[in-house]
Structure formats: C-alpha cells, structure tokens
Amino acid sequence: MKVSHLHSNHCASRRTHDLRHTCASLLHEQGADARMIMEVLGHSSIRVTMDIYTFVRLDSQRSAFDRVGDALRKDDDTKPGA
C-alpha cells in the first residue's frame, strides 16, 4: 500500500471523528439529553459520549453565568429592605 494512500485514509478518518465531535457538541448545546447523543453516536456508555465528544462553548458558559447572576440579583431583590 502506498504511503500517500495511508495518509489519505488517516485524513478521512480524522474528518469523520471531527464530524462526530461537532455533532455531539451541537446536540448537547441544543439540549439533547446524554442518552440520545450516546445512541446517535453508537456508544455503549454515556461517560464516553460526555467526556470525549462534548465540550461547552465559551458563549454557553457566559450564558450560564449570566443566568446565575440573574438568579442572584433576583434573590437580592426579594430580601427585606431591598
């Protein structure tokens, strides 16, 4: 087998992995539950799906912290004397 052919297959394999990672991450961001993502990817364990294939984007982190801040401000508004 030619080295160029092996390299080509490696690149195709890497691209497939990238697509799986992107798919899992986008499903996760859109609120899909872990079991559904696991089944879409064909994993036998949710841990593999969540640990390896998903990540939290920076804008999602900011949004989550904004919600925490909103909740804390809301709690502050309900205290006597506020």
C-alpha atoms as a PDB file:
ATOM      1  CA  MET A   1       0.000   0.000   0.000  1.00  0.00           C
ATOM      2  CA  LYS A   2       1.303   3.459  -0.832  1.00  0.00           C
ATOM      3  CA  VAL A   3       2.154   5.884   1.957  1.00  0.00           C
ATOM      4  CA  SER A   4       0.046   8.580   0.275  1.00  0.00           C
ATOM      5  CA  HIS A   5      -2.947   6.229   0.388  1.00  0.00           C
ATOM      6  CA  LEU A   6      -2.438   5.602   4.100  1.00  0.00           C
ATOM      7  CA  HIS A   7      -2.175   9.322   4.713  1.00  0.00           C
ATOM      8  CA  SER A   8      -5.353   9.913   2.734  1.00  0.00           C
ATOM      9  CA  ASN A   9      -7.260   7.330   4.790  1.00  0.00           C
ATOM     10  CA  HIS A  10      -5.931   8.837   8.019  1.00  0.00           C
ATOM     11  CA  CYS A  11      -7.202  12.277   6.987  1.00  0.00           C
ATOM     12  CA  ALA A  12     -10.608  10.887   6.061  1.00  0.00           C
ATOM     13  CA  SER A  13     -10.761   9.105   9.411  1.00  0.00           C
ATOM     14  CA  ARG A  14      -9.819  12.313  11.223  1.00  0.00           C
ATOM     15  CA  ARG A  15     -12.508  14.277   9.386  1.00  0.00           C
ATOM     16  CA  THR A  16     -15.108  11.678  10.400  1.00  0.00           C
ATOM     17  CA  HIS A  17     -14.018  11.996  14.018  1.00  0.00           C
ATOM     18  CA  ASP A  18     -14.284  15.803  13.780  1.00  0.00           C
ATOM     19  CA  LEU A  19     -17.832  15.496  12.460  1.00  0.00           C
ATOM     20  CA  ARG A  20     -18.816  13.144  15.284  1.00  0.00           C
ATOM     21  CA  HIS A  21     -17.351  15.559  17.842  1.00  0.00           C
ATOM     22  CA  THR A  22     -19.189  18.505  16.269  1.00  0.00           C
ATOM     23  CA  CYS A  23     -22.455  16.588  16.074  1.00  0.00           C
ATOM     24  CA  ALA A  24     -22.270  15.565  19.738  1.00  0.00           C
ATOM     25  CA  SER A  25     -21.362  19.075  20.852  1.00  0.00           C
ATOM     26  CA  LEU A  26     -24.146  20.734  18.864  1.00  0.00           C
ATOM     27  CA  LEU A  27     -26.726  18.223  20.094  1.00  0.00           C
ATOM     28  CA  HIS A  28     -25.537  18.832  23.664  1.00  0.00           C
ATOM     29  CA  GLU A  29     -25.773  22.622  23.226  1.00  0.00           C
ATOM     30  CA  GLN A  30     -29.283  22.321  21.855  1.00  0.00           C
ATOM     31  CA  GLY A  31     -30.398  20.487  24.971  1.00  0.00           C
ATOM     32  CA  ALA A  32     -30.399  16.906  23.722  1.00  0.00           C
ATOM     33  CA  ASP A  33     -30.069  14.500  26.622  1.00  0.00           C
ATOM     34  CA  ALA A  34     -26.957  12.391  27.038  1.00  0.00           C
ATOM     35  CA  ARG A  35     -28.708   9.090  26.297  1.00  0.00           C
ATOM     36  CA  MET A  36     -29.952  10.320  22.923  1.00  0.00           C
ATOM     37  CA  ILE A  37     -26.500  11.638  21.957  1.00  0.00           C
ATOM     38  CA  MET A  38     -24.963   8.341  23.056  1.00  0.00           C
ATOM     39  CA  GLU A  39     -27.369   6.403  20.845  1.00  0.00           C
ATOM     40  CA  VAL A  40     -26.812   8.683  17.833  1.00  0.00           C
ATOM     41  CA  LEU A  41     -23.053   8.109  18.109  1.00  0.00           C
ATOM     42  CA  GLY A  42     -23.443   4.388  18.806  1.00  0.00           C
ATOM     43  CA  HIS A  43     -21.625   4.401  22.139  1.00  0.00           C
ATOM     44  CA  SER A  44     -22.191   1.814  24.843  1.00  0.00           C
ATOM     45  CA  SER A  45     -21.514   4.327  27.625  1.00  0.00           C
ATOM     46  CA  ILE A  46     -22.806   7.828  28.314  1.00  0.00           C
ATOM     47  CA  ARG A  47     -19.489   8.592  30.007  1.00  0.00           C
ATOM     48  CA  VAL A  48     -17.596   8.178  26.724  1.00  0.00           C
ATOM     49  CA  THR A  49     -20.056  10.460  24.970  1.00  0.00           C
ATOM     50  CA  MET A  50     -19.981  13.223  27.552  1.00  0.00           C
ATOM     51  CA  ASP A  51     -16.285  13.077  28.457  1.00  0.00           C
ATOM     52  CA  ILE A  52     -14.792  12.813  24.995  1.00  0.00           C
ATOM     53  CA  TYR A  53     -17.223  14.115  22.420  1.00  0.00           C
ATOM     54  CA  THR A  54     -18.820  17.137  24.016  1.00  0.00           C
ATOM     55  CA  PHE A  55     -17.484  20.436  25.197  1.00  0.00           C
ATOM     56  CA  VAL A  56     -19.068  23.622  26.434  1.00  0.00           C
ATOM     57  CA  ARG A  57     -18.515  26.578  24.167  1.00  0.00           C
ATOM     58  CA  LEU A  58     -17.442  29.869  25.699  1.00  0.00           C
ATOM     59  CA  ASP A  59     -20.715  31.602  24.776  1.00  0.00           C
ATOM     60  CA  SER A  60     -22.641  28.824  26.504  1.00  0.00           C
ATOM     61  CA  GLN A  61     -20.513  29.288  29.626  1.00  0.00           C
ATOM     62  CA  ARG A  62     -21.162  33.026  29.591  1.00  0.00           C
ATOM     63  CA  SER A  63     -24.871  32.446  29.197  1.00  0.00           C
ATOM     64  CA  ALA A  64     -24.886  30.047  32.144  1.00  0.00           C
ATOM     65  CA  PHE A  65     -23.037  32.544  34.355  1.00  0.00           C
ATOM     66  CA  ASP A  66     -25.403  35.307  33.247  1.00  0.00           C
ATOM     67  CA  ARG A  67     -28.327  33.148  34.411  1.00  0.00           C
ATOM     68  CA  VAL A  68     -26.613  32.597  37.756  1.00  0.00           C
ATOM     69  CA  GLY A  69     -26.098  36.358  38.087  1.00  0.00           C
ATOM     70  CA  ASP A  70     -29.758  36.991  37.214  1.00  0.00           C
ATOM     71  CA  ALA A  71     -30.853  34.473  39.835  1.00  0.00           C
ATOM     72  CA  LEU A  72     -28.641  36.079  42.484  1.00  0.00           C
ATOM     73  CA  ARG A  73     -29.944  39.557  41.659  1.00  0.00           C
ATOM     74  CA  LYS A  74     -33.498  38.266  41.766  1.00  0.00           C
ATOM     75  CA  ASP A  75     -32.818  36.715  45.182  1.00  0.00           C
ATOM     76  CA  ASP A  76     -31.322  40.031  46.356  1.00  0.00           C
ATOM     77  CA  ASP A  77     -34.487  41.889  45.261  1.00  0.00           C
ATOM     78  CA  THR A  78     -36.684  39.693  47.481  1.00  0.00           C
ATOM     79  CA  LYS A  79     -34.740  40.397  50.682  1.00  0.00           C
ATOM     80  CA  PRO A  80     -36.356  42.803  53.158  1.00  0.00           C
ATOM     81  CA  GLY A  81     -35.111  46.345  52.775  1.00  0.00           C
ATOM     82  CA  ALA A  82     -34.087  45.882  49.156  1.00  0.00           C
END
